[in-house]
Amino acid sequence: MIYKFKWKKNLFDYEKQFAEQEIVRFIGFSDIKRYDEGLLVESDILIESNRLKMLTYFKEVEVGQKTIIPEIIQWEKSAFKNENTRQSTRYFSHGIHEYKGKFNPQVVHSILRQWNVSKKDSVYDPFAGSGTTLLESALAGVKSFGTDVNPLAVMISNAKQDSLRIN
């Protein structure tokens, strides 16, 4: 069976490296080949669709005749204002405030996958800032804790978390 992991557009080199690490650590494939559109893997192992939907840096995964769209693609589309934008960092409540020093939620999303962080684990962010790590952990169903010395950052982080509880 051939798996075609197709890149999202305009990825940085570090994002492509993160994507490969997700395939190795989270999916379990090791013999990966790069091609123009993304990554190729030939394997007899059948990976369940739900696992493939959790990937970060791919617009789609083709497995035989089936195309799987990662869930983060829908999240990003919910926040896009410009289709030419490389990726959205404002899905869910990430866009509440443009906090200086905030990093892309996709980085946290990918790291949680690379390290196979599961619902039985906990994440601690000692410099939580506006709560990007805490929100991505919550979206993954992982318990998380964070601290920050900046009261504005704490308020923003709490607002992001509280917004997830609204129906």
N, C-alpha and C. Protein backbone atom coordinates (compact mmCIF):
# COMPACT_ATOMS: atom_id res chain seq x y z
N MET A 1 0.84 -1.17 0.00
CA MET A 1 0.00 0.00 0.00
C MET A 1 0.90 1.24 0.00
N ILE A 2 0.50 2.24 -0.79
CA ILE A 2 1.28 3.48 -0.88
C ILE A 2 0.52 4.59 -0.16
N TYR A 3 1.22 5.28 0.73
CA TYR A 3 0.70 6.44 1.43
C TYR A 3 1.35 7.67 0.82
N LYS A 4 0.53 8.62 0.37
CA LYS A 4 1.03 9.89 -0.15
C LYS A 4 0.60 10.99 0.82
N PHE A 5 1.57 11.55 1.50
CA PHE A 5 1.33 12.65 2.43
C PHE A 5 1.63 13.94 1.68
N LYS A 6 0.61 14.72 1.36
CA LYS A 6 0.78 15.91 0.53
C LYS A 6 0.89 17.16 1.42
N TRP A 7 1.99 17.92 1.21
CA TRP A 7 2.27 19.11 2.01
C TRP A 7 1.15 20.15 1.92
N LYS A 8 0.99 20.90 3.00
CA LYS A 8 0.26 22.15 2.91
C LYS A 8 1.15 23.10 2.11
N LYS A 9 0.61 24.20 1.65
CA LYS A 9 1.42 25.08 0.80
C LYS A 9 2.41 25.93 1.61
N ASN A 10 3.54 26.19 0.98
CA ASN A 10 4.56 27.12 1.48
C ASN A 10 5.09 26.81 2.88
N LEU A 11 5.37 25.55 3.15
CA LEU A 11 5.92 25.19 4.46
C LEU A 11 7.38 25.60 4.57
N PHE A 12 7.78 25.99 5.76
CA PHE A 12 9.18 26.25 6.05
C PHE A 12 9.90 24.91 6.20
N ASP A 13 11.23 24.91 6.09
CA ASP A 13 12.01 23.68 6.22
C ASP A 13 11.78 23.00 7.58
N TYR A 14 11.74 23.80 8.66
CA TYR A 14 11.54 23.18 9.97
C TYR A 14 10.17 22.50 10.07
N GLU A 15 9.16 23.04 9.36
CA GLU A 15 7.84 22.43 9.38
C GLU A 15 7.85 21.10 8.63
N LYS A 16 8.61 21.04 7.54
CA LYS A 16 8.75 19.77 6.81
C LYS A 16 9.47 18.73 7.68
N GLN A 17 10.46 19.19 8.45
CA GLN A 17 11.15 18.27 9.36
C GLN A 17 10.19 17.79 10.45
N PHE A 18 9.38 18.70 11.00
CA PHE A 18 8.39 18.31 11.99
C PHE A 18 7.42 17.29 11.39
N ALA A 19 7.00 17.54 10.14
CA ALA A 19 6.07 16.63 9.47
C ALA A 19 6.66 15.23 9.35
N GLU A 20 7.93 15.16 8.96
CA GLU A 20 8.60 13.85 8.87
C GLU A 20 8.66 13.17 10.23
N GLN A 21 8.95 13.95 11.27
CA GLN A 21 9.02 13.37 12.61
C GLN A 21 7.65 12.85 13.07
N GLU A 22 6.59 13.53 12.67
CA GLU A 22 5.24 13.02 12.98
C GLU A 22 5.03 11.65 12.33
N ILE A 23 5.46 11.52 11.09
CA ILE A 23 5.29 10.25 10.36
C ILE A 23 6.09 9.14 11.05
N VAL A 24 7.29 9.48 11.50
CA VAL A 24 8.16 8.49 12.15
C VAL A 24 7.65 8.16 13.55
N ARG A 25 7.46 9.19 14.38
CA ARG A 25 7.15 8.96 15.79
C ARG A 25 5.68 8.68 16.06
N PHE A 26 4.78 9.36 15.37
CA PHE A 26 3.35 9.23 15.66
C PHE A 26 2.70 8.12 14.84
N ILE A 27 3.05 8.04 13.56
CA ILE A 27 2.45 7.03 12.69
C ILE A 27 3.25 5.73 12.77
N GLY A 28 4.58 5.82 12.86
CA GLY A 28 5.40 4.62 13.01
C GLY A 28 6.12 4.17 11.75
N PHE A 29 6.10 4.98 10.69
CA PHE A 29 6.81 4.64 9.47
C PHE A 29 8.25 5.13 9.56
N SER A 30 9.16 4.36 8.97
CA SER A 30 10.56 4.79 8.99
C SER A 30 11.16 4.97 7.60
N ASP A 31 10.69 4.23 6.63
CA ASP A 31 11.24 4.32 5.27
C ASP A 31 10.43 5.35 4.47
N ILE A 32 10.80 6.62 4.63
CA ILE A 32 10.06 7.72 4.04
C ILE A 32 10.85 8.30 2.87
N LYS A 33 10.15 8.57 1.79
CA LYS A 33 10.79 9.19 0.63
C LYS A 33 10.11 10.54 0.38
N ARG A 34 10.93 11.54 0.05
CA ARG A 34 10.39 12.85 -0.31
C ARG A 34 10.12 12.92 -1.79
N TYR A 35 9.07 13.63 -2.15
CA TYR A 35 8.82 13.97 -3.56
C TYR A 35 8.28 15.38 -3.57
N ASP A 36 8.09 15.98 -4.74
CA ASP A 36 7.73 17.39 -4.84
C ASP A 36 6.52 17.78 -3.98
N GLU A 37 5.50 16.95 -3.98
CA GLU A 37 4.26 17.29 -3.29
C GLU A 37 4.25 16.90 -1.82
N GLY A 38 5.24 16.13 -1.35
CA GLY A 38 5.23 15.72 0.04
C GLY A 38 6.09 14.52 0.33
N LEU A 39 5.51 13.55 1.02
CA LEU A 39 6.23 12.35 1.44
C LEU A 39 5.51 11.11 0.94
N LEU A 40 6.29 10.08 0.61
CA LEU A 40 5.75 8.79 0.17
C LEU A 40 6.22 7.71 1.11
N VAL A 41 5.32 6.81 1.42
CA VAL A 41 5.66 5.64 2.23
C VAL A 41 4.98 4.44 1.60
N GLU A 42 5.75 3.37 1.40
CA GLU A 42 5.18 2.11 0.95
C GLU A 42 5.23 1.15 2.13
N SER A 43 4.07 0.63 2.52
CA SER A 43 4.01 -0.22 3.70
C SER A 43 2.82 -1.16 3.62
N ASP A 44 2.95 -2.32 4.25
CA ASP A 44 1.85 -3.28 4.37
C ASP A 44 0.97 -2.97 5.59
N ILE A 45 1.44 -2.04 6.43
CA ILE A 45 0.71 -1.70 7.65
C ILE A 45 -0.44 -0.76 7.30
N LEU A 46 -1.63 -1.09 7.79
CA LEU A 46 -2.79 -0.24 7.57
C LEU A 46 -2.96 0.66 8.79
N ILE A 47 -2.84 1.97 8.56
CA ILE A 47 -3.00 2.96 9.63
C ILE A 47 -4.44 3.44 9.61
N GLU A 48 -5.08 3.48 10.77
CA GLU A 48 -6.48 3.91 10.81
C GLU A 48 -6.61 5.38 10.46
N SER A 49 -7.71 5.71 9.80
CA SER A 49 -7.97 7.06 9.31
C SER A 49 -7.91 8.10 10.42
N ASN A 50 -8.45 7.77 11.60
CA ASN A 50 -8.47 8.73 12.70
C ASN A 50 -7.07 9.18 13.09
N ARG A 51 -6.11 8.30 13.00
CA ARG A 51 -4.72 8.65 13.33
C ARG A 51 -4.16 9.59 12.26
N LEU A 52 -4.44 9.29 11.00
CA LEU A 52 -3.96 10.13 9.91
C LEU A 52 -4.60 11.51 9.95
N LYS A 53 -5.81 11.60 10.45
CA LYS A 53 -6.50 12.89 10.56
C LYS A 53 -5.87 13.81 11.60
N MET A 54 -5.01 13.27 12.44
CA MET A 54 -4.40 14.06 13.51
C MET A 54 -3.08 14.72 13.09
N LEU A 55 -2.63 14.52 11.86
CA LEU A 55 -1.37 15.10 11.39
C LEU A 55 -1.49 16.62 11.22
N THR A 56 -0.35 17.30 11.24
CA THR A 56 -0.33 18.76 11.28
C THR A 56 -0.06 19.43 9.94
N TYR A 57 0.95 19.01 9.22
CA TYR A 57 1.47 19.79 8.10
C TYR A 57 1.10 19.25 6.72
N PHE A 58 0.06 18.45 6.64
CA PHE A 58 -0.36 17.90 5.35
C PHE A 58 -1.76 18.37 5.02
N LYS A 59 -1.98 18.71 3.75
CA LYS A 59 -3.33 19.11 3.32
C LYS A 59 -4.20 17.88 3.10
N GLU A 60 -3.56 16.75 2.79
CA GLU A 60 -4.30 15.50 2.62
C GLU A 60 -3.34 14.32 2.63
N VAL A 61 -3.91 13.15 2.88
CA VAL A 61 -3.15 11.90 2.82
C VAL A 61 -3.93 10.96 1.91
N GLU A 62 -3.27 10.49 0.87
CA GLU A 62 -3.88 9.52 -0.04
C GLU A 62 -3.41 8.12 0.35
N VAL A 63 -4.38 7.23 0.55
CA VAL A 63 -4.09 5.84 0.86
C VAL A 63 -4.88 5.03 -0.15
N GLY A 64 -4.20 4.52 -1.17
CA GLY A 64 -4.89 3.83 -2.25
C GLY A 64 -5.84 4.81 -2.93
N GLN A 65 -7.11 4.47 -2.98
CA GLN A 65 -8.12 5.32 -3.62
C GLN A 65 -8.78 6.30 -2.63
N LYS A 66 -8.40 6.22 -1.37
CA LYS A 66 -9.03 7.02 -0.32
C LYS A 66 -8.19 8.27 -0.03
N THR A 67 -8.86 9.42 0.16
CA THR A 67 -8.20 10.66 0.53
C THR A 67 -8.68 11.06 1.92
N ILE A 68 -7.73 11.30 2.80
CA ILE A 68 -8.02 11.68 4.19
C ILE A 68 -7.56 13.12 4.39
N ILE A 69 -8.44 13.95 4.92
CA ILE A 69 -8.13 15.35 5.19
C ILE A 69 -7.88 15.51 6.69
N PRO A 70 -6.68 15.95 7.09
CA PRO A 70 -6.41 16.16 8.53
C PRO A 70 -7.36 17.20 9.13
N GLU A 71 -7.73 17.00 10.39
CA GLU A 71 -8.69 17.88 11.04
C GLU A 71 -8.19 19.31 11.15
N ILE A 72 -6.90 19.51 11.24
CA ILE A 72 -6.37 20.87 11.39
C ILE A 72 -6.65 21.72 10.14
N ILE A 73 -6.83 21.07 8.99
CA ILE A 73 -7.17 21.80 7.76
C ILE A 73 -8.52 22.49 7.93
N GLN A 74 -9.50 21.77 8.48
CA GLN A 74 -10.81 22.36 8.72
C GLN A 74 -10.72 23.46 9.78
N TRP A 75 -9.92 23.25 10.81
CA TRP A 75 -9.75 24.28 11.85
C TRP A 75 -9.20 25.56 11.23
N GLU A 76 -8.16 25.40 10.40
CA GLU A 76 -7.53 26.57 9.78
C GLU A 76 -8.51 27.27 8.83
N LYS A 77 -9.27 26.50 8.07
CA LYS A 77 -10.23 27.09 7.14
C LYS A 77 -11.28 27.91 7.88
N SER A 78 -11.59 27.53 9.10
CA SER A 78 -12.59 28.27 9.87
C SER A 78 -12.10 29.67 10.22
N ALA A 79 -10.80 29.91 10.12
CA ALA A 79 -10.24 31.20 10.52
C ALA A 79 -9.60 31.97 9.36
N PHE A 80 -9.51 31.39 8.17
CA PHE A 80 -8.87 32.06 7.04
C PHE A 80 -9.66 33.29 6.60
N LYS A 81 -8.94 34.35 6.36
CA LYS A 81 -9.54 35.52 5.76
C LYS A 81 -9.03 35.69 4.33
N ASN A 82 -7.88 35.12 4.06
CA ASN A 82 -7.25 35.26 2.76
C ASN A 82 -6.77 33.88 2.32
N GLU A 83 -7.27 33.38 1.23
CA GLU A 83 -6.91 32.04 0.75
C GLU A 83 -5.43 31.91 0.41
N ASN A 84 -4.74 33.04 0.18
CA ASN A 84 -3.31 32.98 -0.15
C ASN A 84 -2.43 32.89 1.10
N THR A 85 -3.05 32.97 2.27
CA THR A 85 -2.31 32.88 3.52
C THR A 85 -1.68 31.50 3.65
N ARG A 86 -0.46 31.47 4.15
CA ARG A 86 0.28 30.23 4.28
C ARG A 86 -0.44 29.24 5.21
N GLN A 87 -0.79 29.70 6.38
CA GLN A 87 -1.56 28.88 7.32
C GLN A 87 -2.21 29.82 8.33
N SER A 88 -3.25 29.35 8.96
CA SER A 88 -3.96 30.18 9.93
C SER A 88 -3.47 29.85 11.33
N THR A 89 -3.24 30.89 12.11
CA THR A 89 -2.86 30.70 13.52
C THR A 89 -3.98 31.20 14.43
N ARG A 90 -5.17 31.44 13.85
CA ARG A 90 -6.26 32.03 14.62
C ARG A 90 -7.47 31.13 14.77
N TYR A 91 -7.34 29.85 14.52
CA TYR A 91 -8.50 28.97 14.67
C TYR A 91 -8.83 28.80 16.15
N PHE A 92 -10.06 28.36 16.39
CA PHE A 92 -10.64 28.30 17.73
C PHE A 92 -10.40 29.64 18.42
N SER A 93 -9.89 29.66 19.62
CA SER A 93 -9.72 30.94 20.31
C SER A 93 -8.28 31.45 20.25
N HIS A 94 -7.46 30.89 19.37
CA HIS A 94 -6.08 31.40 19.23
C HIS A 94 -6.06 32.86 18.78
N GLY A 95 -7.11 33.31 18.10
CA GLY A 95 -7.12 34.67 17.57
C GLY A 95 -7.69 35.71 18.51
N ILE A 96 -7.92 35.37 19.76
CA ILE A 96 -8.49 36.34 20.71
C ILE A 96 -7.63 37.59 20.82
N HIS A 97 -6.31 37.42 20.85
CA HIS A 97 -5.41 38.55 21.05
C HIS A 97 -4.09 38.26 20.38
N GLU A 98 -3.52 39.26 19.74
CA GLU A 98 -2.19 39.11 19.12
C GLU A 98 -1.13 39.35 20.18
N TYR A 99 -0.84 38.34 20.94
CA TYR A 99 0.12 38.44 22.03
C TYR A 99 1.54 38.38 21.49
N LYS A 100 2.37 39.34 21.83
CA LYS A 100 3.75 39.37 21.36
C LYS A 100 4.50 38.16 21.92
N GLY A 101 5.18 37.47 21.06
CA GLY A 101 5.92 36.29 21.49
C GLY A 101 5.14 35.00 21.28
N LYS A 102 3.90 35.11 20.85
CA LYS A 102 3.08 33.92 20.59
C LYS A 102 3.69 33.13 19.44
N PHE A 103 3.67 31.84 19.53
CA PHE A 103 4.16 31.04 18.41
C PHE A 103 3.01 30.29 17.77
N ASN A 104 3.28 29.74 16.60
CA ASN A 104 2.23 29.06 15.83
C ASN A 104 1.67 27.86 16.60
N PRO A 105 0.35 27.77 16.68
CA PRO A 105 -0.24 26.62 17.36
C PRO A 105 0.10 25.30 16.66
N GLN A 106 0.40 25.36 15.36
CA GLN A 106 0.75 24.15 14.63
C GLN A 106 2.02 23.51 15.21
N VAL A 107 2.93 24.33 15.73
CA VAL A 107 4.16 23.79 16.34
C VAL A 107 3.79 22.91 17.53
N VAL A 108 2.92 23.42 18.39
CA VAL A 108 2.50 22.64 19.57
C VAL A 108 1.74 21.40 19.12
N HIS A 109 0.84 21.57 18.17
CA HIS A 109 0.05 20.44 17.64
C HIS A 109 0.99 19.34 17.18
N SER A 110 2.01 19.71 16.43
CA SER A 110 2.96 18.73 15.91
C SER A 110 3.79 18.08 17.02
N ILE A 111 4.27 18.88 17.95
CA ILE A 111 5.09 18.33 19.05
C ILE A 111 4.28 17.34 19.89
N LEU A 112 3.01 17.67 20.15
CA LEU A 112 2.16 16.72 20.89
C LEU A 112 2.07 15.39 20.15
N ARG A 113 2.00 15.44 18.81
CA ARG A 113 1.94 14.22 18.01
C ARG A 113 3.29 13.51 18.02
N GLN A 114 4.36 14.26 17.80
CA GLN A 114 5.69 13.65 17.73
C GLN A 114 6.03 12.89 19.01
N TRP A 115 5.62 13.43 20.15
CA TRP A 115 5.94 12.80 21.43
C TRP A 115 4.81 11.88 21.90
N ASN A 116 3.82 11.62 21.03
CA ASN A 116 2.72 10.72 21.36
C ASN A 116 2.08 11.05 22.70
N VAL A 117 1.87 12.33 22.96
CA VAL A 117 1.23 12.74 24.20
C VAL A 117 -0.23 12.30 24.12
N SER A 118 -0.67 11.60 25.15
CA SER A 118 -2.03 11.04 25.12
C SER A 118 -2.89 11.64 26.23
N LYS A 119 -4.14 11.25 26.26
CA LYS A 119 -5.10 11.78 27.24
C LYS A 119 -4.73 11.43 28.67
N LYS A 120 -3.91 10.43 28.86
CA LYS A 120 -3.51 10.06 30.23
C LYS A 120 -2.31 10.89 30.71
N ASP A 121 -1.70 11.67 29.80
CA ASP A 121 -0.55 12.49 30.14
C ASP A 121 -0.98 13.89 30.58
N SER A 122 -0.02 14.64 31.11
CA SER A 122 -0.23 16.05 31.46
C SER A 122 0.92 16.87 30.87
N VAL A 123 0.61 18.10 30.48
CA VAL A 123 1.61 19.01 29.92
C VAL A 123 1.72 20.21 30.85
N TYR A 124 2.96 20.62 31.15
CA TYR A 124 3.19 21.82 31.96
C TYR A 124 3.99 22.81 31.14
N ASP A 125 3.51 24.03 31.02
CA ASP A 125 4.21 25.10 30.31
C ASP A 125 4.55 26.19 31.32
N PRO A 126 5.83 26.29 31.72
CA PRO A 126 6.21 27.26 32.75
C PRO A 126 6.22 28.71 32.25
N PHE A 127 6.18 28.90 30.94
CA PHE A 127 6.14 30.25 30.35
C PHE A 127 4.96 30.28 29.39
N ALA A 128 3.77 30.14 29.92
CA ALA A 128 2.57 29.88 29.11
C ALA A 128 2.16 31.04 28.21
N GLY A 129 2.59 32.25 28.51
CA GLY A 129 2.22 33.37 27.66
C GLY A 129 0.72 33.42 27.47
N SER A 130 0.28 33.54 26.21
CA SER A 130 -1.16 33.66 25.93
C SER A 130 -1.86 32.30 25.87
N GLY A 131 -1.16 31.22 26.18
CA GLY A 131 -1.82 29.93 26.33
C GLY A 131 -1.89 29.05 25.10
N THR A 132 -1.02 29.27 24.12
CA THR A 132 -1.05 28.45 22.91
C THR A 132 -0.89 26.96 23.24
N THR A 133 0.08 26.64 24.07
CA THR A 133 0.31 25.24 24.44
C THR A 133 -0.89 24.68 25.20
N LEU A 134 -1.45 25.48 26.09
CA LEU A 134 -2.57 25.02 26.89
C LEU A 134 -3.80 24.76 26.03
N LEU A 135 -4.06 25.65 25.07
CA LEU A 135 -5.21 25.47 24.18
C LEU A 135 -5.03 24.26 23.28
N GLU A 136 -3.86 24.11 22.68
CA GLU A 136 -3.63 22.95 21.81
C GLU A 136 -3.71 21.65 22.60
N SER A 137 -3.23 21.67 23.83
CA SER A 137 -3.35 20.48 24.69
C SER A 137 -4.82 20.16 24.94
N ALA A 138 -5.60 21.18 25.24
CA ALA A 138 -7.04 20.97 25.49
C ALA A 138 -7.71 20.41 24.24
N LEU A 139 -7.37 20.92 23.07
CA LEU A 139 -7.96 20.42 21.82
C LEU A 139 -7.59 18.96 21.58
N ALA A 140 -6.42 18.55 22.09
CA ALA A 140 -5.98 17.15 21.96
C ALA A 140 -6.53 16.28 23.08
N GLY A 141 -7.26 16.89 24.01
CA GLY A 141 -7.82 16.13 25.13
C GLY A 141 -6.80 15.82 26.21
N VAL A 142 -5.74 16.62 26.26
CA VAL A 142 -4.65 16.40 27.22
C VAL A 142 -4.74 17.44 28.33
N LYS A 143 -4.62 17.00 29.57
CA LYS A 143 -4.64 17.92 30.70
C LYS A 143 -3.36 18.76 30.65
N SER A 144 -3.50 20.08 30.89
CA SER A 144 -2.33 20.94 30.85
C SER A 144 -2.40 21.99 31.95
N PHE A 145 -1.22 22.47 32.32
CA PHE A 145 -1.07 23.50 33.34
C PHE A 145 -0.06 24.50 32.84
N GLY A 146 -0.26 25.76 33.19
CA GLY A 146 0.70 26.77 32.76
C GLY A 146 0.81 27.88 33.77
N THR A 147 1.95 28.55 33.74
CA THR A 147 2.18 29.72 34.59
C THR A 147 2.83 30.81 33.75
N ASP A 148 2.65 32.04 34.17
CA ASP A 148 3.32 33.16 33.52
C ASP A 148 3.32 34.33 34.50
N VAL A 149 4.36 35.15 34.44
CA VAL A 149 4.44 36.30 35.35
C VAL A 149 3.66 37.50 34.84
N ASN A 150 3.28 37.50 33.58
CA ASN A 150 2.57 38.62 32.98
C ASN A 150 1.06 38.46 33.21
N PRO A 151 0.45 39.37 33.98
CA PRO A 151 -0.99 39.23 34.26
C PRO A 151 -1.86 39.33 33.01
N LEU A 152 -1.46 40.11 32.01
CA LEU A 152 -2.22 40.19 30.77
C LEU A 152 -2.20 38.83 30.06
N ALA A 153 -1.03 38.21 30.03
CA ALA A 153 -0.92 36.90 29.40
C ALA A 153 -1.81 35.87 30.10
N VAL A 154 -1.84 35.90 31.41
CA VAL A 154 -2.66 34.97 32.17
C VAL A 154 -4.14 35.20 31.85
N MET A 155 -4.54 36.47 31.76
CA MET A 155 -5.93 36.78 31.44
C MET A 155 -6.30 36.27 30.03
N ILE A 156 -5.41 36.48 29.05
CA ILE A 156 -5.66 36.02 27.69
C ILE A 156 -5.75 34.50 27.66
N SER A 157 -4.81 33.85 28.34
CA SER A 157 -4.79 32.39 28.38
C SER A 157 -6.08 31.84 29.00
N ASN A 158 -6.51 32.44 30.10
CA ASN A 158 -7.76 32.00 30.74
C ASN A 158 -8.95 32.21 29.83
N ALA A 159 -8.98 33.33 29.10
CA ALA A 159 -10.09 33.59 28.17
C ALA A 159 -10.12 32.54 27.07
N LYS A 160 -8.96 32.15 26.55
CA LYS A 160 -8.90 31.11 25.51
C LYS A 160 -9.46 29.80 26.04
N GLN A 161 -9.06 29.43 27.24
CA GLN A 161 -9.53 28.17 27.82
C GLN A 161 -11.03 28.23 28.11
N ASP A 162 -11.47 29.36 28.66
CA ASP A 162 -12.90 29.50 28.98
C ASP A 162 -13.77 29.43 27.75
N SER A 163 -13.26 29.93 26.62
CA SER A 163 -14.06 29.92 25.38
C SER A 163 -14.38 28.51 24.91
N LEU A 164 -13.56 27.54 25.28
CA LEU A 164 -13.82 26.16 24.88
C LEU A 164 -15.02 25.56 25.63
N ARG A 165 -15.38 26.17 26.73
CA ARG A 165 -16.49 25.64 27.53
C ARG A 165 -17.84 26.22 27.11
N ILE A 166 -17.83 27.16 26.17
CA ILE A 166 -19.06 27.79 25.71
C ILE A 166 -19.73 26.92 24.66
N ASN A 167 -21.03 26.68 24.81
CA ASN A 167 -21.76 25.89 23.81
C ASN A 167 -21.92 26.68 22.54
